[in-house]
C-alpha atoms as a PDB file:
ATOM      1  CA  MET A   1      89.630  91.403-102.579  1.00  0.00           C
ATOM      2  CA  ILE A   2      89.866  87.697-103.306  1.00  0.00           C
ATOM      3  CA  VAL A   3      86.496  86.753-103.995  1.00  0.00           C
ATOM      4  CA  LEU A   4      84.835  83.284-102.969  1.00  0.00           C
ATOM      5  CA  LYS A   5      82.560  81.515-105.291  1.00  0.00           C
ATOM      6  CA  SER A   6      79.815  79.697-104.153  1.00  0.00           C
ATOM      7  CA  GLU A   7      79.007  76.092-105.008  1.00  0.00           C
ATOM      8  CA  ASP A   8      76.483  77.209-108.005  1.00  0.00           C
ATOM      9  CA  GLU A   9      79.335  79.292-109.357  1.00  0.00           C
ATOM     10  CA  LEU A  10      81.990  76.752-108.766  1.00  0.00           C
ATOM     11  CA  ARG A  11      79.395  74.215-111.097  1.00  0.00           C
ATOM     12  CA  ALA A  12      79.469  77.292-113.158  1.00  0.00           C
ATOM     13  CA  MET A  13      83.195  77.245-113.476  1.00  0.00           C
ATOM     14  CA  GLY A  14      83.468  73.786-113.930  1.00  0.00           C
ATOM     15  CA  GLU A  15      81.221  74.103-117.237  1.00  0.00           C
ATOM     16  CA  ALA A  16      83.562  77.145-118.499  1.00  0.00           C
ATOM     17  CA  GLY A  17      86.017  74.789-117.173  1.00  0.00           C
ATOM     18  CA  LYS A  18      85.187  71.705-119.214  1.00  0.00           C
ATOM     19  CA  LEU A  19      84.987  73.200-122.283  1.00  0.00           C
ATOM     20  CA  VAL A  20      88.337  74.523-122.120  1.00  0.00           C
ATOM     21  CA  ALA A  21      89.402  71.227-121.512  1.00  0.00           C
ATOM     22  CA  LYS A  22      87.773  70.063-124.765  1.00  0.00           C
ATOM     23  CA  THR A  23      88.929  72.563-126.639  1.00  0.00           C
ATOM     24  CA  HIS A  24      92.521  71.529-125.830  1.00  0.00           C
ATOM     25  CA  ALA A  25      91.468  68.167-126.800  1.00  0.00           C
ATOM     26  CA  VAL A  26      90.610  69.571-130.389  1.00  0.00           C
ATOM     27  CA  VAL A  27      93.022  71.670-130.558  1.00  0.00           C
ATOM     28  CA  ALA A  28      96.018  68.762-129.540  1.00  0.00           C
ATOM     29  CA  GLU A  29      94.581  66.174-132.231  1.00  0.00           C
ATOM     30  CA  ALA A  30      95.255  69.041-135.199  1.00  0.00           C
ATOM     31  CA  ILE A  31      98.922  69.622-134.053  1.00  0.00           C
ATOM     32  CA  ARG A  32     101.697  68.120-136.789  1.00  0.00           C
ATOM     33  CA  PRO A  33     104.389  69.495-138.621  1.00  0.00           C
ATOM     34  CA  GLY A  34     102.895  71.680-141.275  1.00  0.00           C
ATOM     35  CA  MET A  35     100.164  72.810-139.307  1.00  0.00           C
ATOM     36  CA  THR A  36      99.979  77.002-138.971  1.00  0.00           C
ATOM     37  CA  THR A  37      99.540  78.365-135.246  1.00  0.00           C
ATOM     38  CA  ALA A  38      96.854  80.417-137.263  1.00  0.00           C
ATOM     39  CA  SER A  39      94.955  77.340-138.187  1.00  0.00           C
ATOM     40  CA  LEU A  40      94.986  76.058-134.539  1.00  0.00           C
ATOM     41  CA  ASP A  41      93.988  79.494-133.370  1.00  0.00           C
ATOM     42  CA  ALA A  42      90.845  79.080-136.079  1.00  0.00           C
ATOM     43  CA  LEU A  43      90.039  75.798-134.719  1.00  0.00           C
ATOM     44  CA  ALA A  44      89.555  76.657-131.123  1.00  0.00           C
ATOM     45  CA  GLU A  45      87.908  80.152-131.926  1.00  0.00           C
ATOM     46  CA  GLN A  46      85.113  78.229-134.287  1.00  0.00           C
ATOM     47  CA  TYR A  47      84.972  75.201-131.206  1.00  0.00           C
ATOM     48  CA  ILE A  48      84.461  77.416-128.563  1.00  0.00           C
ATOM     49  CA  ARG A  49      81.629  79.804-130.188  1.00  0.00           C
ATOM     50  CA  ASP A  50      79.945  76.553-131.656  1.00  0.00           C
ATOM     51  CA  HIS A  51      79.787  75.813-127.776  1.00  0.00           C
ATOM     52  CA  ASN A  52      77.967  79.393-126.789  1.00  0.00           C
ATOM     53  CA  ALA A  53      81.055  80.398-125.475  1.00  0.00           C
ATOM     54  CA  VAL A  54      83.076  83.437-125.965  1.00  0.00           C
ATOM     55  CA  PRO A  55      87.235  83.233-126.547  1.00  0.00           C
ATOM     56  CA  SER A  56      88.578  84.879-123.287  1.00  0.00           C
ATOM     57  CA  PHE A  57      91.655  86.320-124.638  1.00  0.00           C
ATOM     58  CA  LYS A  58      90.343  88.090-128.137  1.00  0.00           C
ATOM     59  CA  GLY A  59      90.570  91.470-127.550  1.00  0.00           C
ATOM     60  CA  TYR A  60      91.966  91.595-123.984  1.00  0.00           C
ATOM     61  CA  ASN A  61      94.282  94.520-123.887  1.00  0.00           C
ATOM     62  CA  GLY A  62      94.291  94.546-127.451  1.00  0.00           C
ATOM     63  CA  PHE A  63      95.382  90.699-127.986  1.00  0.00           C
ATOM     64  CA  PRO A  64      94.614  89.953-131.691  1.00  0.00           C
ATOM     65  CA  ALA A  65      93.828  86.028-131.090  1.00  0.00           C
ATOM     66  CA  SER A  66      91.736  83.411-129.502  1.00  0.00           C
ATOM     67  CA  ILE A  67      94.709  81.437-127.973  1.00  0.00           C
ATOM     68  CA  CYS A  68      98.446  81.984-127.366  1.00  0.00           C
ATOM     69  CA  ALA A  69     100.457  79.758-129.359  1.00  0.00           C
ATOM     70  CA  SER A  70     104.384  79.729-127.971  1.00  0.00           C
ATOM     71  CA  ILE A  71     107.012  77.855-129.547  1.00  0.00           C
ATOM     72  CA  ASN A  72     109.816  76.362-128.297  1.00  0.00           C
ATOM     73  CA  GLU A  73     111.902  79.253-126.899  1.00  0.00           C
ATOM     74  CA  GLU A  74     109.092  81.354-126.686  1.00  0.00           C
ATOM     75  CA  VAL A  75     107.412  81.108-122.824  1.00  0.00           C
ATOM     76  CA  VAL A  76     103.683  82.956-123.204  1.00  0.00           C
ATOM     77  CA  HIS A  77     101.858  84.887-124.699  1.00  0.00           C
ATOM     78  CA  GLY A  78     102.809  83.808-128.575  1.00  0.00           C
ATOM     79  CA  ILE A  79     100.502  85.375-130.991  1.00  0.00           C
ATOM     80  CA  PRO A  80      99.198  82.985-133.856  1.00  0.00           C
ATOM     81  CA  GLY A  81      99.752  83.109-137.354  1.00  0.00           C
ATOM     82  CA  PRO A  82     101.492  82.299-140.614  1.00  0.00           C
ATOM     83  CA  ARG A  83     104.161  80.419-138.535  1.00  0.00           C
ATOM     84  CA  VAL A  84     104.622  76.731-139.637  1.00  0.00           C
ATOM     85  CA  LEU A  85     105.141  73.765-136.779  1.00  0.00           C
ATOM     86  CA  LYS A  86     108.082  72.047-137.810  1.00  0.00           C
ATOM     87  CA  GLU A  87     109.351  68.401-136.440  1.00  0.00           C
ATOM     88  CA  GLY A  88     110.887  68.577-132.707  1.00  0.00           C
ATOM     89  CA  ASP A  89     109.259  71.868-131.850  1.00  0.00           C
ATOM     90  CA  ILE A  90     107.359  72.225-128.578  1.00  0.00           C
ATOM     91  CA  VAL A  91     104.068  74.476-128.909  1.00  0.00           C
ATOM     92  CA  GLY A  92     102.399  75.910-125.533  1.00  0.00           C
ATOM     93  CA  ILE A  93      98.759  76.657-126.339  1.00  0.00           C
ATOM     94  CA  ASP A  94      96.950  78.912-123.900  1.00  0.00           C
ATOM     95  CA  ILE A  95      93.116  78.309-124.097  1.00  0.00           C
ATOM     96  CA  GLY A  96      90.568  80.717-121.859  1.00  0.00           C
ATOM     97  CA  ALA A  97      86.532  80.570-122.786  1.00  0.00           C
ATOM     98  CA  ILE A  98      84.024  82.234-120.850  1.00  0.00           C
ATOM     99  CA  LEU A  99      80.543  80.530-120.706  1.00  0.00           C
ATOM    100  CA  GLY A 100      77.745  81.591-118.685  1.00  0.00           C
ATOM    101  CA  GLY A 101      79.370  84.616-117.415  1.00  0.00           C
ATOM    102  CA  PHE A 102      82.710  82.738-115.899  1.00  0.00           C
ATOM    103  CA  HIS A 103      86.107  82.316-117.239  1.00  0.00           C
ATOM    104  CA  GLY A 104      87.844  78.757-117.739  1.00  0.00           C
ATOM    105  CA  ASP A 105      91.773  78.952-118.300  1.00  0.00           C
ATOM    106  CA  MET A 106      94.106  76.413-119.259  1.00  0.00           C
ATOM    107  CA  ALA A 107      97.624  75.528-121.045  1.00  0.00           C
ATOM    108  CA  ARG A 108      99.606  72.385-122.125  1.00  0.00           C
ATOM    109  CA  THR A 109     102.876  72.042-123.888  1.00  0.00           C
ATOM    110  CA  TYR A 110     102.749  69.697-126.618  1.00  0.00           C
ATOM    111  CA  PRO A 111     105.207  67.850-128.787  1.00  0.00           C
ATOM    112  CA  VAL A 112     105.212  68.385-132.570  1.00  0.00           C
ATOM    113  CA  GLY A 113     106.172  65.333-133.596  1.00  0.00           C
ATOM    114  CA  GLU A 114     109.302  63.675-132.059  1.00  0.00           C
ATOM    115  CA  ILE A 115     111.035  65.897-130.105  1.00  0.00           C
ATOM    116  CA  SER A 116     114.238  65.340-128.045  1.00  0.00           C
ATOM    117  CA  LYS A 117     114.926  63.560-124.910  1.00  0.00           C
ATOM    118  CA  GLU A 118     115.763  66.722-123.425  1.00  0.00           C
ATOM    119  CA  ALA A 119     112.645  68.726-124.427  1.00  0.00           C
ATOM    120  CA  GLU A 120     110.446  65.074-123.391  1.00  0.00           C
ATOM    121  CA  ARG A 121     111.917  66.082-119.570  1.00  0.00           C
ATOM    122  CA  LEU A 122     111.281  69.469-119.724  1.00  0.00           C
ATOM    123  CA  LEU A 123     107.322  69.109-120.710  1.00  0.00           C
ATOM    124  CA  TRP A 124     107.436  65.883-117.779  1.00  0.00           C
ATOM    125  CA  VAL A 125     108.813  68.046-115.329  1.00  0.00           C
ATOM    126  CA  THR A 126     106.279  71.040-116.003  1.00  0.00           C
ATOM    127  CA  GLU A 127     103.563  68.842-116.069  1.00  0.00           C
ATOM    128  CA  LYS A 128     104.488  67.438-112.686  1.00  0.00           C
ATOM    129  CA  ALA A 129     105.547  70.998-111.465  1.00  0.00           C
ATOM    130  CA  LEU A 130     101.787  71.881-111.880  1.00  0.00           C
ATOM    131  CA  GLU A 131     100.652  69.098-109.835  1.00  0.00           C
ATOM    132  CA  GLN A 132     102.929  69.740-107.441  1.00  0.00           C
ATOM    133  CA  GLY A 133     101.495  73.309-107.097  1.00  0.00           C
ATOM    134  CA  ILE A 134      98.096  71.985-107.112  1.00  0.00           C
ATOM    135  CA  ALA A 135      98.483  69.828-104.346  1.00  0.00           C
ATOM    136  CA  ALA A 136      99.426  72.615-101.910  1.00  0.00           C
ATOM    137  CA  ALA A 137      95.990  74.449-102.784  1.00  0.00           C
ATOM    138  CA  VAL A 138      94.233  73.098 -99.743  1.00  0.00           C
ATOM    139  CA  VAL A 139      92.438  74.743 -97.338  1.00  0.00           C
ATOM    140  CA  GLY A 140      94.648  76.375 -94.673  1.00  0.00           C
ATOM    141  CA  ASN A 141      97.700  76.589 -96.375  1.00  0.00           C
ATOM    142  CA  ARG A 142      98.984  79.610 -97.323  1.00  0.00           C
ATOM    143  CA  LEU A 143      99.170  81.072-100.559  1.00  0.00           C
ATOM    144  CA  SER A 144     103.118  81.136-101.399  1.00  0.00           C
ATOM    145  CA  ASP A 145     103.134  77.464-100.436  1.00  0.00           C
ATOM    146  CA  ILE A 146     101.591  76.677-104.047  1.00  0.00           C
ATOM    147  CA  GLY A 147     104.680  78.490-105.853  1.00  0.00           C
ATOM    148  CA  HIS A 148     107.042  76.989-103.215  1.00  0.00           C
ATOM    149  CA  ALA A 149     105.855  73.434-104.037  1.00  0.00           C
ATOM    150  CA  VAL A 150     106.558  74.585-107.801  1.00  0.00           C
ATOM    151  CA  GLN A 151     109.773  76.322-107.477  1.00  0.00           C
ATOM    152  CA  SER A 152     110.912  73.808-105.048  1.00  0.00           C
ATOM    153  CA  PHE A 153     110.579  70.752-107.512  1.00  0.00           C
ATOM    154  CA  VAL A 154     111.405  72.371-110.706  1.00  0.00           C
ATOM    155  CA  GLU A 155     114.557  73.210-109.202  1.00  0.00           C
ATOM    156  CA  ALA A 156     115.223  69.802-107.681  1.00  0.00           C
ATOM    157  CA  GLN A 157     115.161  68.785-111.250  1.00  0.00           C
ATOM    158  CA  GLY A 158     117.948  71.208-112.543  1.00  0.00           C
ATOM    159  CA  LEU A 159     115.301  73.678-114.212  1.00  0.00           C
ATOM    160  CA  SER A 160     114.149  77.142-113.355  1.00  0.00           C
ATOM    161  CA  VAL A 161     111.032  78.763-113.103  1.00  0.00           C
ATOM    162  CA  VAL A 162     109.918  82.090-115.063  1.00  0.00           C
ATOM    163  CA  ARG A 163     109.093  84.956-112.430  1.00  0.00           C
ATOM    164  CA  ASP A 164     108.370  87.537-114.375  1.00  0.00           C
ATOM    165  CA  PHE A 165     104.786  86.088-114.870  1.00  0.00           C
ATOM    166  CA  VAL A 166     102.572  84.577-112.573  1.00  0.00           C
ATOM    167  CA  GLY A 167      99.349  82.474-112.151  1.00  0.00           C
ATOM    168  CA  HIS A 168      96.112  84.667-110.753  1.00  0.00           C
ATOM    169  CA  GLY A 169      92.790  84.388-109.275  1.00  0.00           C
ATOM    170  CA  ILE A 170      89.587  83.907-111.926  1.00  0.00           C
ATOM    171  CA  GLY A 171      86.100  83.904-112.150  1.00  0.00           C
ATOM    172  CA  ARG A 172      83.726  86.401-113.499  1.00  0.00           C
ATOM    173  CA  SER A 173      87.038  88.087-114.585  1.00  0.00           C
ATOM    174  CA  MET A 174      89.725  86.341-116.273  1.00  0.00           C
ATOM    175  CA  HIS A 175      92.576  87.888-113.680  1.00  0.00           C
ATOM    176  CA  GLU A 176      91.561  88.186-110.635  1.00  0.00           C
ATOM    177  CA  PRO A 177      93.328  88.524-106.651  1.00  0.00           C
ATOM    178  CA  PRO A 178      95.198  86.912-105.775  1.00  0.00           C
ATOM    179  CA  GLN A 179      98.916  86.988-108.259  1.00  0.00           C
ATOM    180  CA  ILE A 180     100.139  83.444-107.681  1.00  0.00           C
ATOM    181  CA  PRO A 181     104.084  83.203-108.159  1.00  0.00           C
ATOM    182  CA  ASN A 182     105.586  79.812-109.459  1.00  0.00           C
ATOM    183  CA  PHE A 183     108.262  80.532-106.759  1.00  0.00           C
ATOM    184  CA  GLY A 184     109.034  81.815-102.861  1.00  0.00           C
ATOM    185  CA  ARG A 185     109.326  81.084 -99.536  1.00  0.00           C
ATOM    186  CA  PRO A 186     106.958  79.233 -98.014  1.00  0.00           C
ATOM    187  CA  GLY A 187     104.176  80.377 -95.320  1.00  0.00           C
ATOM    188  CA  ARG A 188     103.105  83.732 -96.538  1.00  0.00           C
ATOM    189  CA  GLY A 189     100.553  85.452 -97.941  1.00  0.00           C
ATOM    190  CA  PRO A 190      96.335  85.004 -97.422  1.00  0.00           C
ATOM    191  CA  ARG A 191      95.371  81.529 -96.161  1.00  0.00           C
ATOM    192  CA  LEU A 192      93.357  79.454 -98.769  1.00  0.00           C
ATOM    193  CA  LYS A 193      90.118  79.108 -98.333  1.00  0.00           C
ATOM    194  CA  PRO A 194      87.206  77.102 -99.657  1.00  0.00           C
ATOM    195  CA  GLY A 195      85.856  78.994-102.665  1.00  0.00           C
ATOM    196  CA  MET A 196      88.828  80.142-103.709  1.00  0.00           C
ATOM    197  CA  VAL A 197      89.800  79.762-107.405  1.00  0.00           C
ATOM    198  CA  LEU A 198      93.244  79.634-108.816  1.00  0.00           C
ATOM    199  CA  ALA A 199      94.573  79.875-112.344  1.00  0.00           C
ATOM    200  CA  ILE A 200      97.981  77.419-111.268  1.00  0.00           C
ATOM    201  CA  GLU A 201     100.449  78.057-113.820  1.00  0.00           C
ATOM    202  CA  PRO A 202     103.960  76.845-113.885  1.00  0.00           C
ATOM    203  CA  MET A 203     106.663  78.170-116.898  1.00  0.00           C
ATOM    204  CA  VAL A 204     109.863  76.698-116.887  1.00  0.00           C
ATOM    205  CA  ASN A 205     112.966  77.211-118.529  1.00  0.00           C
ATOM    206  CA  ILE A 206     115.646  74.539-119.458  1.00  0.00           C
ATOM    207  CA  GLY A 207     118.185  77.195-118.838  1.00  0.00           C
ATOM    208  CA  GLY A 208     117.885  80.474-116.638  1.00  0.00           C
ATOM    209  CA  TRP A 209     114.409  82.010-115.226  1.00  0.00           C
ATOM    210  CA  GLU A 210     114.720  85.535-117.116  1.00  0.00           C
ATOM    211  CA  VAL A 211     112.662  86.398-119.651  1.00  0.00           C
ATOM    212  CA  VAL A 212     112.253  89.398-122.822  1.00  0.00           C
ATOM    213  CA  VAL A 213     109.284  90.829-123.955  1.00  0.00           C
ATOM    214  CA  LEU A 214     109.573  91.137-127.748  1.00  0.00           C
ATOM    215  CA  SER A 215     108.471  94.446-129.638  1.00  0.00           C
ATOM    216  CA  ASP A 216     104.864  93.026-130.697  1.00  0.00           C
ATOM    217  CA  ASN A 217     104.558  93.790-126.660  1.00  0.00           C
ATOM    218  CA  TRP A 218     102.921  90.387-126.366  1.00  0.00           C
ATOM    219  CA  THR A 219     105.393  87.502-127.191  1.00  0.00           C
ATOM    220  CA  VAL A 220     107.729  86.694-124.095  1.00  0.00           C
ATOM    221  CA  ILE A 221     111.126  84.758-124.611  1.00  0.00           C
ATOM    222  CA  THR A 222     113.624  83.206-122.787  1.00  0.00           C
ATOM    223  CA  ALA A 223     116.669  85.658-122.339  1.00  0.00           C
ATOM    224  CA  ASP A 224     118.819  82.725-123.078  1.00  0.00           C
ATOM    225  CA  ARG A 225     116.876  81.545-125.954  1.00  0.00           C
ATOM    226  CA  SER A 226     116.623  77.968-124.221  1.00  0.00           C
ATOM    227  CA  LEU A 227     113.773  76.012-124.402  1.00  0.00           C
ATOM    228  CA  SER A 228     110.534  76.822-122.393  1.00  0.00           C
ATOM    229  CA  ALA A 229     106.916  75.320-121.277  1.00  0.00           C
ATOM    230  CA  HIS A 230     103.638  76.107-119.594  1.00  0.00           C
ATOM    231  CA  PHE A 231     101.153  73.874-118.164  1.00  0.00           C
ATOM    232  CA  GLU A 232      98.108  75.590-116.257  1.00  0.00           C
ATOM    233  CA  ASP A 233      94.747  74.449-114.999  1.00  0.00           C
ATOM    234  CA  THR A 234      92.058  76.540-113.347  1.00  0.00           C
ATOM    235  CA  VAL A 235      91.555  74.819-109.804  1.00  0.00           C
ATOM    236  CA  ALA A 236      89.056  75.140-106.959  1.00  0.00           C
ATOM    237  CA  VAL A 237      89.802  75.217-103.336  1.00  0.00           C
ATOM    238  CA  THR A 238      87.278  72.902-101.701  1.00  0.00           C
ATOM    239  CA  GLU A 239      86.969  71.231 -98.192  1.00  0.00           C
ATOM    240  CA  ASP A 240      87.662  68.232 -99.741  1.00  0.00           C
ATOM    241  CA  GLY A 241      90.882  69.440-101.343  1.00  0.00           C
ATOM    242  CA  PRO A 242      91.627  70.918-104.873  1.00  0.00           C
ATOM    243  CA  LEU A 243      89.372  70.516-107.371  1.00  0.00           C
ATOM    244  CA  ILE A 244      90.158  70.986-111.101  1.00  0.00           C
ATOM    245  CA  LEU A 245      87.495  72.693-113.053  1.00  0.00           C
ATOM    246  CA  THR A 246      89.622  72.476-116.630  1.00  0.00           C
ATOM    247  CA  GLN A 247      88.855  68.835-116.910  1.00  0.00           C
ATOM    248  CA  ALA A 248      86.851  67.220-119.908  1.00  0.00           C
END
């Protein structure tokens, strides 16, 4: 069942989203060659807890960290640790926080120092794909219109969208119905209604869309080891159009 949020609940979710966006800003400022992903994780967790919130991811189904940090060919769910970021890497940072009983969820992929033109284009396409998906999150559209908008844009750029992992509803639980694929035919699924809150999150690969889960049972990589990027926002469907809740 898709839970519609009241205006008061949307305001509370906006506070959670704002905190996540601010946490991203703190982490982004610290990303540079020589940093470990564990250091970024510690920084994010401290900031979240200092603002009377709790990391959404830590302990979720046994996940051991407060953020996901996915480097280069890693698509999502990379576990922070001693790995050192190098010049030219790209790193996807996914952050969730619980504030006032509600979750905010946001991901961005960041350059580490100077990156290749190919990697720059990947980040640009993925960010624009997120914008396309958000633009489709309007009252009266069908759920699949979001994924169709993402897929159409990405594939027109010669890249591919991951199919094994999807966006999701969000609220008092981090993952709520409905699932939101980043691909598919338009005009399918439930109608979008005011009060729906959706985590829209394109995962885009330079190569093929196929992925593999590593032996840690978390880290997802591209099957062909091509670069991958991940952008995500928490978005409310309103009568006035899509409202991005993960904004500082």
